[in-house]
Amino acid sequence: INLFAPLSLSLVYSRPVNVGMDGFA
């Protein structure tokens, strides 16, 4: 997503609180 639509670039990224197969996974 960031490669084709770099709209939410950040210096750091939060680790997901809940691990598991969500939509992004």
mmCIF file of all heavy atoms, coordinates in Angstrom:
data_MODEL
# 
_entry.id   MODEL 
# 
loop_
_atom_site.group_PDB 
_atom_site.id 
_atom_site.type_symbol 
_atom_site.label_atom_id 
_atom_site.label_alt_id 
_atom_site.label_comp_id 
_atom_site.label_asym_id 
_atom_site.label_entity_id 
_atom_site.label_seq_id 
_atom_site.pdbx_PDB_ins_code 
_atom_site.Cartn_x 
_atom_site.Cartn_y 
_atom_site.Cartn_z 
_atom_site.occupancy 
_atom_site.B_iso_or_equiv 
_atom_site.pdbx_formal_charge 
_atom_site.auth_seq_id 
_atom_site.auth_comp_id 
_atom_site.auth_asym_id 
_atom_site.auth_atom_id 
_atom_site.pdbx_PDB_model_num 
ATOM 1   N N   . ILE A 1 1  ? 0.839  -1.204  0.000  1.00 0.00 ? 1  ILE A N   1 
ATOM 2   C CA  . ILE A 1 1  ? 0.000  0.000   0.000  1.00 0.00 ? 1  ILE A CA  1 
ATOM 3   C C   . ILE A 1 1  ? 0.872  1.250   0.000  1.00 0.00 ? 1  ILE A C   1 
ATOM 4   O O   . ILE A 1 1  ? 0.634  2.196   -0.769 1.00 0.00 ? 1  ILE A O   1 
ATOM 5   C CB  . ILE A 1 1  ? -0.946 0.005   1.221  1.00 0.00 ? 1  ILE A CB  1 
ATOM 6   C CG1 . ILE A 1 1  ? -1.999 -1.109  1.092  1.00 0.00 ? 1  ILE A CG1 1 
ATOM 7   C CG2 . ILE A 1 1  ? -1.639 1.363   1.364  1.00 0.00 ? 1  ILE A CG2 1 
ATOM 8   C CD1 . ILE A 1 1  ? -2.858 -1.276  2.320  1.00 0.00 ? 1  ILE A CD1 1 
ATOM 9   N N   . ASN A 1 2  ? 1.894  1.268   0.854  1.00 0.00 ? 2  ASN A N   1 
ATOM 10  C CA  . ASN A 1 2  ? 2.780  2.429   0.928  1.00 0.00 ? 2  ASN A CA  1 
ATOM 11  C C   . ASN A 1 2  ? 3.577  2.622   -0.362 1.00 0.00 ? 2  ASN A C   1 
ATOM 12  O O   . ASN A 1 2  ? 3.953  3.749   -0.707 1.00 0.00 ? 2  ASN A O   1 
ATOM 13  C CB  . ASN A 1 2  ? 3.746  2.291   2.099  1.00 0.00 ? 2  ASN A CB  1 
ATOM 14  C CG  . ASN A 1 2  ? 3.075  2.518   3.438  1.00 0.00 ? 2  ASN A CG  1 
ATOM 15  O OD1 . ASN A 1 2  ? 1.967  3.045   3.500  1.00 0.00 ? 2  ASN A OD1 1 
ATOM 16  N ND2 . ASN A 1 2  ? 3.728  2.124   4.507  1.00 0.00 ? 2  ASN A ND2 1 
ATOM 17  N N   . LEU A 1 3  ? 3.822  1.525   -1.072 1.00 0.00 ? 3  LEU A N   1 
ATOM 18  C CA  . LEU A 1 3  ? 4.581  1.611   -2.312 1.00 0.00 ? 3  LEU A CA  1 
ATOM 19  C C   . LEU A 1 3  ? 3.761  2.277   -3.414 1.00 0.00 ? 3  LEU A C   1 
ATOM 20  O O   . LEU A 1 3  ? 4.259  3.138   -4.142 1.00 0.00 ? 3  LEU A O   1 
ATOM 21  C CB  . LEU A 1 3  ? 5.004  0.203   -2.748 1.00 0.00 ? 3  LEU A CB  1 
ATOM 22  C CG  . LEU A 1 3  ? 6.099  0.092   -3.818 1.00 0.00 ? 3  LEU A CG  1 
ATOM 23  C CD1 . LEU A 1 3  ? 7.400  0.706   -3.313 1.00 0.00 ? 3  LEU A CD1 1 
ATOM 24  C CD2 . LEU A 1 3  ? 6.312  -1.361  -4.203 1.00 0.00 ? 3  LEU A CD2 1 
ATOM 25  N N   . PHE A 1 4  ? 2.496  1.882   -3.518 1.00 0.00 ? 4  PHE A N   1 
ATOM 26  C CA  . PHE A 1 4  ? 1.648  2.395   -4.593 1.00 0.00 ? 4  PHE A CA  1 
ATOM 27  C C   . PHE A 1 4  ? 0.829  3.622   -4.160 1.00 0.00 ? 4  PHE A C   1 
ATOM 28  O O   . PHE A 1 4  ? 0.420  4.414   -5.013 1.00 0.00 ? 4  PHE A O   1 
ATOM 29  C CB  . PHE A 1 4  ? 0.703  1.301   -5.089 1.00 0.00 ? 4  PHE A CB  1 
ATOM 30  C CG  . PHE A 1 4  ? 1.394  0.222   -5.878 1.00 0.00 ? 4  PHE A CG  1 
ATOM 31  C CD1 . PHE A 1 4  ? 1.931  -0.886  -5.256 1.00 0.00 ? 4  PHE A CD1 1 
ATOM 32  C CD2 . PHE A 1 4  ? 1.532  0.335   -7.250 1.00 0.00 ? 4  PHE A CD2 1 
ATOM 33  C CE1 . PHE A 1 4  ? 2.571  -1.875  -5.983 1.00 0.00 ? 4  PHE A CE1 1 
ATOM 34  C CE2 . PHE A 1 4  ? 2.169  -0.641  -7.988 1.00 0.00 ? 4  PHE A CE2 1 
ATOM 35  C CZ  . PHE A 1 4  ? 2.701  -1.752  -7.351 1.00 0.00 ? 4  PHE A CZ  1 
ATOM 36  N N   . ALA A 1 5  ? 0.567  3.747   -2.869 1.00 0.00 ? 5  ALA A N   1 
ATOM 37  C CA  . ALA A 1 5  ? -0.211 4.885   -2.363 1.00 0.00 ? 5  ALA A CA  1 
ATOM 38  C C   . ALA A 1 5  ? 0.394  5.360   -1.048 1.00 0.00 ? 5  ALA A C   1 
ATOM 39  O O   . ALA A 1 5  ? -0.133 5.074   0.032  1.00 0.00 ? 5  ALA A O   1 
ATOM 40  C CB  . ALA A 1 5  ? -1.672 4.485   -2.174 1.00 0.00 ? 5  ALA A CB  1 
ATOM 41  N N   . PRO A 1 6  ? 1.529  6.069   -1.108 1.00 0.00 ? 6  PRO A N   1 
ATOM 42  C CA  . PRO A 1 6  ? 2.251  6.476   0.115  1.00 0.00 ? 6  PRO A CA  1 
ATOM 43  C C   . PRO A 1 6  ? 1.570  7.632   0.836  1.00 0.00 ? 6  PRO A C   1 
ATOM 44  O O   . PRO A 1 6  ? 2.089  8.751   0.887  1.00 0.00 ? 6  PRO A O   1 
ATOM 45  C CB  . PRO A 1 6  ? 3.627  6.874   -0.426 1.00 0.00 ? 6  PRO A CB  1 
ATOM 46  C CG  . PRO A 1 6  ? 3.357  7.332   -1.829 1.00 0.00 ? 6  PRO A CG  1 
ATOM 47  C CD  . PRO A 1 6  ? 2.233  6.478   -2.336 1.00 0.00 ? 6  PRO A CD  1 
ATOM 48  N N   . LEU A 1 7  ? 0.422  7.353   1.440  1.00 0.00 ? 7  LEU A N   1 
ATOM 49  C CA  . LEU A 1 7  ? -0.353 8.394   2.112  1.00 0.00 ? 7  LEU A CA  1 
ATOM 50  C C   . LEU A 1 7  ? -0.176 8.370   3.629  1.00 0.00 ? 7  LEU A C   1 
ATOM 51  O O   . LEU A 1 7  ? -0.549 9.330   4.302  1.00 0.00 ? 7  LEU A O   1 
ATOM 52  C CB  . LEU A 1 7  ? -1.841 8.237   1.771  1.00 0.00 ? 7  LEU A CB  1 
ATOM 53  C CG  . LEU A 1 7  ? -2.194 8.321   0.277  1.00 0.00 ? 7  LEU A CG  1 
ATOM 54  C CD1 . LEU A 1 7  ? -3.673 7.996   0.074  1.00 0.00 ? 7  LEU A CD1 1 
ATOM 55  C CD2 . LEU A 1 7  ? -1.867 9.701   -0.273 1.00 0.00 ? 7  LEU A CD2 1 
ATOM 56  N N   . SER A 1 8  ? 0.338  7.272   4.172  1.00 0.00 ? 8  SER A N   1 
ATOM 57  C CA  . SER A 1 8  ? 0.446  7.156   5.638  1.00 0.00 ? 8  SER A CA  1 
ATOM 58  C C   . SER A 1 8  ? 1.854  6.767   6.060  1.00 0.00 ? 8  SER A C   1 
ATOM 59  O O   . SER A 1 8  ? 2.032  5.928   6.936  1.00 0.00 ? 8  SER A O   1 
ATOM 60  C CB  . SER A 1 8  ? -0.567 6.136   6.156  1.00 0.00 ? 8  SER A CB  1 
ATOM 61  O OG  . SER A 1 8  ? -0.351 4.870   5.548  1.00 0.00 ? 8  SER A OG  1 
ATOM 62  N N   . LEU A 1 9  ? 2.855  7.359   5.415  1.00 0.00 ? 9  LEU A N   1 
ATOM 63  C CA  . LEU A 1 9  ? 4.243  7.076   5.780  1.00 0.00 ? 9  LEU A CA  1 
ATOM 64  C C   . LEU A 1 9  ? 4.531  7.601   7.179  1.00 0.00 ? 9  LEU A C   1 
ATOM 65  O O   . LEU A 1 9  ? 3.989  8.617   7.606  1.00 0.00 ? 9  LEU A O   1 
ATOM 66  C CB  . LEU A 1 9  ? 5.199  7.719   4.775  1.00 0.00 ? 9  LEU A CB  1 
ATOM 67  C CG  . LEU A 1 9  ? 5.088  7.241   3.327  1.00 0.00 ? 9  LEU A CG  1 
ATOM 68  C CD1 . LEU A 1 9  ? 6.063  8.016   2.450  1.00 0.00 ? 9  LEU A CD1 1 
ATOM 69  C CD2 . LEU A 1 9  ? 5.357  5.745   3.224  1.00 0.00 ? 9  LEU A CD2 1 
ATOM 70  N N   . SER A 1 10 ? 5.400  6.892   7.897  1.00 0.00 ? 10 SER A N   1 
ATOM 71  C CA  . SER A 1 10 ? 5.729  7.277   9.269  1.00 0.00 ? 10 SER A CA  1 
ATOM 72  C C   . SER A 1 10 ? 7.168  6.891   9.570  1.00 0.00 ? 10 SER A C   1 
ATOM 73  O O   . SER A 1 10 ? 7.712  5.951   8.982  1.00 0.00 ? 10 SER A O   1 
ATOM 74  C CB  . SER A 1 10 ? 4.779  6.586   10.250 1.00 0.00 ? 10 SER A CB  1 
ATOM 75  O OG  . SER A 1 10 ? 5.133  6.888   11.589 1.00 0.00 ? 10 SER A OG  1 
ATOM 76  N N   . LEU A 1 11 ? 7.774  7.634   10.489 1.00 0.00 ? 11 LEU A N   1 
ATOM 77  C CA  . LEU A 1 11 ? 9.132  7.304   10.904 1.00 0.00 ? 11 LEU A CA  1 
ATOM 78  C C   . LEU A 1 11 ? 9.172  5.967   11.623 1.00 0.00 ? 11 LEU A C   1 
ATOM 79  O O   . LEU A 1 11 ? 10.118 5.188   11.473 1.00 0.00 ? 11 LEU A O   1 
ATOM 80  C CB  . LEU A 1 11 ? 9.680  8.408   11.815 1.00 0.00 ? 11 LEU A CB  1 
ATOM 81  C CG  . LEU A 1 11 ? 11.123 8.250   12.281 1.00 0.00 ? 11 LEU A CG  1 
ATOM 82  C CD1 . LEU A 1 11 ? 12.084 8.315   11.098 1.00 0.00 ? 11 LEU A CD1 1 
ATOM 83  C CD2 . LEU A 1 11 ? 11.475 9.328   13.298 1.00 0.00 ? 11 LEU A CD2 1 
ATOM 84  N N   . VAL A 1 12 ? 8.138  5.677   12.405 1.00 0.00 ? 12 VAL A N   1 
ATOM 85  C CA  . VAL A 1 12 ? 8.025  4.406   13.122 1.00 0.00 ? 12 VAL A CA  1 
ATOM 86  C C   . VAL A 1 12 ? 6.601  3.867   12.939 1.00 0.00 ? 12 VAL A C   1 
ATOM 87  O O   . VAL A 1 12 ? 5.675  4.618   12.633 1.00 0.00 ? 12 VAL A O   1 
ATOM 88  C CB  . VAL A 1 12 ? 8.341  4.551   14.630 1.00 0.00 ? 12 VAL A CB  1 
ATOM 89  C CG1 . VAL A 1 12 ? 9.796  4.889   14.842 1.00 0.00 ? 12 VAL A CG1 1 
ATOM 90  C CG2 . VAL A 1 12 ? 7.440  5.602   15.266 1.00 0.00 ? 12 VAL A CG2 1 
ATOM 91  N N   . TYR A 1 13 ? 6.452  2.561   13.136 1.00 0.00 ? 13 TYR A N   1 
ATOM 92  C CA  . TYR A 1 13 ? 5.153  1.908   13.024 1.00 0.00 ? 13 TYR A CA  1 
ATOM 93  C C   . TYR A 1 13 ? 4.877  1.101   14.285 1.00 0.00 ? 13 TYR A C   1 
ATOM 94  O O   . TYR A 1 13 ? 5.782  0.451   14.828 1.00 0.00 ? 13 TYR A O   1 
ATOM 95  C CB  . TYR A 1 13 ? 5.115  0.979   11.808 1.00 0.00 ? 13 TYR A CB  1 
ATOM 96  C CG  . TYR A 1 13 ? 5.153  1.715   10.492 1.00 0.00 ? 13 TYR A CG  1 
ATOM 97  C CD1 . TYR A 1 13 ? 6.368  2.054   9.899  1.00 0.00 ? 13 TYR A CD1 1 
ATOM 98  C CD2 . TYR A 1 13 ? 3.984  2.087   9.838  1.00 0.00 ? 13 TYR A CD2 1 
ATOM 99  C CE1 . TYR A 1 13 ? 6.413  2.737   8.696  1.00 0.00 ? 13 TYR A CE1 1 
ATOM 100 C CE2 . TYR A 1 13 ? 4.018  2.774   8.629  1.00 0.00 ? 13 TYR A CE2 1 
ATOM 101 C CZ  . TYR A 1 13 ? 5.241  3.091   8.057  1.00 0.00 ? 13 TYR A CZ  1 
ATOM 102 O OH  . TYR A 1 13 ? 5.280  3.769   6.870  1.00 0.00 ? 13 TYR A OH  1 
ATOM 103 N N   . SER A 1 14 ? 3.640  1.133   14.743 1.00 0.00 ? 14 SER A N   1 
ATOM 104 C CA  . SER A 1 14 ? 3.262  0.392   15.952 1.00 0.00 ? 14 SER A CA  1 
ATOM 105 C C   . SER A 1 14 ? 3.149  -1.096  15.645 1.00 0.00 ? 14 SER A C   1 
ATOM 106 O O   . SER A 1 14 ? 2.655  -1.485  14.587 1.00 0.00 ? 14 SER A O   1 
ATOM 107 C CB  . SER A 1 14 ? 1.914  0.887   16.490 1.00 0.00 ? 14 SER A CB  1 
ATOM 108 O OG  . SER A 1 14 ? 1.982  2.237   16.870 1.00 0.00 ? 14 SER A OG  1 
ATOM 109 N N   . ARG A 1 15 ? 3.612  -1.909  16.575 1.00 0.00 ? 15 ARG A N   1 
ATOM 110 C CA  . ARG A 1 15 ? 3.390  -3.352  16.463 1.00 0.00 ? 15 ARG A CA  1 
ATOM 111 C C   . ARG A 1 15 ? 1.934  -3.628  16.803 1.00 0.00 ? 15 ARG A C   1 
ATOM 112 O O   . ARG A 1 15 ? 1.419  -3.095  17.778 1.00 0.00 ? 15 ARG A O   1 
ATOM 113 C CB  . ARG A 1 15 ? 4.309  -4.122  17.421 1.00 0.00 ? 15 ARG A CB  1 
ATOM 114 C CG  . ARG A 1 15 ? 4.038  -5.621  17.476 1.00 0.00 ? 15 ARG A CG  1 
ATOM 115 C CD  . ARG A 1 15 ? 5.050  -6.328  18.349 1.00 0.00 ? 15 ARG A CD  1 
ATOM 116 N NE  . ARG A 1 15 ? 6.327  -6.427  17.679 1.00 0.00 ? 15 ARG A NE  1 
ATOM 117 C CZ  . ARG A 1 15 ? 6.646  -7.395  16.826 1.00 0.00 ? 15 ARG A CZ  1 
ATOM 118 N NH1 . ARG A 1 15 ? 5.753  -8.339  16.543 1.00 0.00 ? 15 ARG A NH1 1 
ATOM 119 N NH2 . ARG A 1 15 ? 7.831  -7.440  16.256 1.00 0.00 ? 15 ARG A NH2 1 
ATOM 120 N N   . PRO A 1 16 ? 1.240  -4.470  16.031 1.00 0.00 ? 16 PRO A N   1 
ATOM 121 C CA  . PRO A 1 16 ? -0.163 -4.778  16.325 1.00 0.00 ? 16 PRO A CA  1 
ATOM 122 C C   . PRO A 1 16 ? -0.338 -5.319  17.735 1.00 0.00 ? 16 PRO A C   1 
ATOM 123 O O   . PRO A 1 16 ? 0.453  -6.134  18.201 1.00 0.00 ? 16 PRO A O   1 
ATOM 124 C CB  . PRO A 1 16 ? -0.509 -5.846  15.285 1.00 0.00 ? 16 PRO A CB  1 
ATOM 125 C CG  . PRO A 1 16 ? 0.467  -5.623  14.173 1.00 0.00 ? 16 PRO A CG  1 
ATOM 126 C CD  . PRO A 1 16 ? 1.724  -5.152  14.839 1.00 0.00 ? 16 PRO A CD  1 
ATOM 127 N N   . VAL A 1 17 ? -1.370 -4.841  18.433 1.00 0.00 ? 17 VAL A N   1 
ATOM 128 C CA  . VAL A 1 17 ? -1.635 -5.304  19.803 1.00 0.00 ? 17 VAL A CA  1 
ATOM 129 C C   . VAL A 1 17 ? -2.158 -6.735  19.774 1.00 0.00 ? 17 VAL A C   1 
ATOM 130 O O   . VAL A 1 17 ? -1.735 -7.594  20.540 1.00 0.00 ? 17 VAL A O   1 
ATOM 131 C CB  . VAL A 1 17 ? -2.657 -4.370  20.495 1.00 0.00 ? 17 VAL A CB  1 
ATOM 132 C CG1 . VAL A 1 17 ? -2.978 -4.886  21.891 1.00 0.00 ? 17 VAL A CG1 1 
ATOM 133 C CG2 . VAL A 1 17 ? -2.120 -2.952  20.562 1.00 0.00 ? 17 VAL A CG2 1 
ATOM 134 N N   . ASN A 1 18 ? -3.100 -7.014  18.875 1.00 0.00 ? 18 ASN A N   1 
ATOM 135 C CA  . ASN A 1 18 ? -3.673 -8.347  18.752 1.00 0.00 ? 18 ASN A CA  1 
ATOM 136 C C   . ASN A 1 18 ? -3.071 -9.049  17.537 1.00 0.00 ? 18 ASN A C   1 
ATOM 137 O O   . ASN A 1 18 ? -3.233 -8.606  16.408 1.00 0.00 ? 18 ASN A O   1 
ATOM 138 C CB  . ASN A 1 18 ? -5.193 -8.262  18.592 1.00 0.00 ? 18 ASN A CB  1 
ATOM 139 C CG  . ASN A 1 18 ? -5.860 -7.617  19.794 1.00 0.00 ? 18 ASN A CG  1 
ATOM 140 O OD1 . ASN A 1 18 ? -5.501 -7.903  20.929 1.00 0.00 ? 18 ASN A OD1 1 
ATOM 141 N ND2 . ASN A 1 18 ? -6.810 -6.728  19.547 1.00 0.00 ? 18 ASN A ND2 1 
ATOM 142 N N   . VAL A 1 19 ? -2.356 -10.145 17.785 1.00 0.00 ? 19 VAL A N   1 
ATOM 143 C CA  . VAL A 1 19 ? -1.783 -10.902 16.682 1.00 0.00 ? 19 VAL A CA  1 
ATOM 144 C C   . VAL A 1 19 ? -2.809 -11.909 16.190 1.00 0.00 ? 19 VAL A C   1 
ATOM 145 O O   . VAL A 1 19 ? -3.704 -12.322 16.916 1.00 0.00 ? 19 VAL A O   1 
ATOM 146 C CB  . VAL A 1 19 ? -0.487 -11.616 17.114 1.00 0.00 ? 19 VAL A CB  1 
ATOM 147 C CG1 . VAL A 1 19 ? 0.588  -10.604 17.442 1.00 0.00 ? 19 VAL A CG1 1 
ATOM 148 C CG2 . VAL A 1 19 ? -0.732 -12.520 18.316 1.00 0.00 ? 19 VAL A CG2 1 
ATOM 149 N N   . GLY A 1 20 ? -2.675 -12.332 14.956 1.00 0.00 ? 20 GLY A N   1 
ATOM 150 C CA  . GLY A 1 20 ? -3.631 -13.257 14.361 1.00 0.00 ? 20 GLY A CA  1 
ATOM 151 C C   . GLY A 1 20 ? -3.928 -12.845 12.933 1.00 0.00 ? 20 GLY A C   1 
ATOM 152 O O   . GLY A 1 20 ? -3.443 -11.825 12.437 1.00 0.00 ? 20 GLY A O   1 
ATOM 153 N N   . MET A 1 21 ? -4.748 -13.637 12.268 1.00 0.00 ? 21 MET A N   1 
ATOM 154 C CA  . MET A 1 21 ? -5.077 -13.393 10.870 1.00 0.00 ? 21 MET A CA  1 
ATOM 155 C C   . MET A 1 21 ? -6.204 -12.376 10.758 1.00 0.00 ? 21 MET A C   1 
ATOM 156 O O   . MET A 1 21 ? -7.388 -12.728 10.722 1.00 0.00 ? 21 MET A O   1 
ATOM 157 C CB  . MET A 1 21 ? -5.452 -14.705 10.180 1.00 0.00 ? 21 MET A CB  1 
ATOM 158 C CG  . MET A 1 21 ? -4.292 -15.669 9.999  1.00 0.00 ? 21 MET A CG  1 
ATOM 159 S SD  . MET A 1 21 ? -2.990 -15.013 8.910  1.00 0.00 ? 21 MET A SD  1 
ATOM 160 C CE  . MET A 1 21 ? -3.815 -15.058 7.323  1.00 0.00 ? 21 MET A CE  1 
ATOM 161 N N   . ASP A 1 22 ? -5.829 -11.092 10.715 1.00 0.00 ? 22 ASP A N   1 
ATOM 162 C CA  . ASP A 1 22 ? -6.823 -10.055 10.475 1.00 0.00 ? 22 ASP A CA  1 
ATOM 163 C C   . ASP A 1 22 ? -6.909 -9.778  8.972  1.00 0.00 ? 22 ASP A C   1 
ATOM 164 O O   . ASP A 1 22 ? -6.343 -10.508 8.154  1.00 0.00 ? 22 ASP A O   1 
ATOM 165 C CB  . ASP A 1 22 ? -6.474 -8.789  11.257 1.00 0.00 ? 22 ASP A CB  1 
ATOM 166 C CG  . ASP A 1 22 ? -5.105 -8.227  10.883 1.00 0.00 ? 22 ASP A CG  1 
ATOM 167 O OD1 . ASP A 1 22 ? -4.449 -8.784  9.969  1.00 0.00 ? 22 ASP A OD1 1 
ATOM 168 O OD2 . ASP A 1 22 ? -4.698 -7.226  11.488 1.00 0.00 ? 22 ASP A OD2 1 
ATOM 169 N N   . GLY A 1 23 ? -7.621 -8.732  8.593  1.00 0.00 ? 23 GLY A N   1 
ATOM 170 C CA  . GLY A 1 23 ? -7.793 -8.420  7.186  1.00 0.00 ? 23 GLY A CA  1 
ATOM 171 C C   . GLY A 1 23 ? -6.484 -8.147  6.467  1.00 0.00 ? 23 GLY A C   1 
ATOM 172 O O   . GLY A 1 23 ? -6.279 -8.595  5.329  1.00 0.00 ? 23 GLY A O   1 
ATOM 173 N N   . PHE A 1 24 ? -5.579 -7.415  7.129  1.00 0.00 ? 24 PHE A N   1 
ATOM 174 C CA  . PHE A 1 24 ? -4.288 -7.115  6.521  1.00 0.00 ? 24 PHE A CA  1 
ATOM 175 C C   . PHE A 1 24 ? -3.471 -8.387  6.304  1.00 0.00 ? 24 PHE A C   1 
ATOM 176 O O   . PHE A 1 24 ? -2.784 -8.526  5.291  1.00 0.00 ? 24 PHE A O   1 
ATOM 177 C CB  . PHE A 1 24 ? -3.506 -6.131  7.398  1.00 0.00 ? 24 PHE A CB  1 
ATOM 178 C CG  . PHE A 1 24 ? -3.961 -4.706  7.275  1.00 0.00 ? 24 PHE A CG  1 
ATOM 179 C CD1 . PHE A 1 24 ? -4.709 -4.111  8.272  1.00 0.00 ? 24 PHE A CD1 1 
ATOM 180 C CD2 . PHE A 1 24 ? -3.638 -3.960  6.147  1.00 0.00 ? 24 PHE A CD2 1 
ATOM 181 C CE1 . PHE A 1 24 ? -5.135 -2.793  8.160  1.00 0.00 ? 24 PHE A CE1 1 
ATOM 182 C CE2 . PHE A 1 24 ? -4.054 -2.635  6.025  1.00 0.00 ? 24 PHE A CE2 1 
ATOM 183 C CZ  . PHE A 1 24 ? -4.808 -2.058  7.030  1.00 0.00 ? 24 PHE A CZ  1 
ATOM 184 N N   . ALA A 1 25 ? -3.535 -9.312  7.277  1.00 0.00 ? 25 ALA A N   1 
ATOM 185 C CA  . ALA A 1 25 ? -2.779 -10.555 7.154  1.00 0.00 ? 25 ALA A CA  1 
ATOM 186 C C   . ALA A 1 25 ? -3.302 -11.418 6.009  1.00 0.00 ? 25 ALA A C   1 
ATOM 187 O O   . ALA A 1 25 ? -2.533 -11.993 5.242  1.00 0.00 ? 25 ALA A O   1 
ATOM 188 C CB  . ALA A 1 25 ? -2.830 -11.329 8.471  1.00 0.00 ? 25 ALA A CB  1 
# 
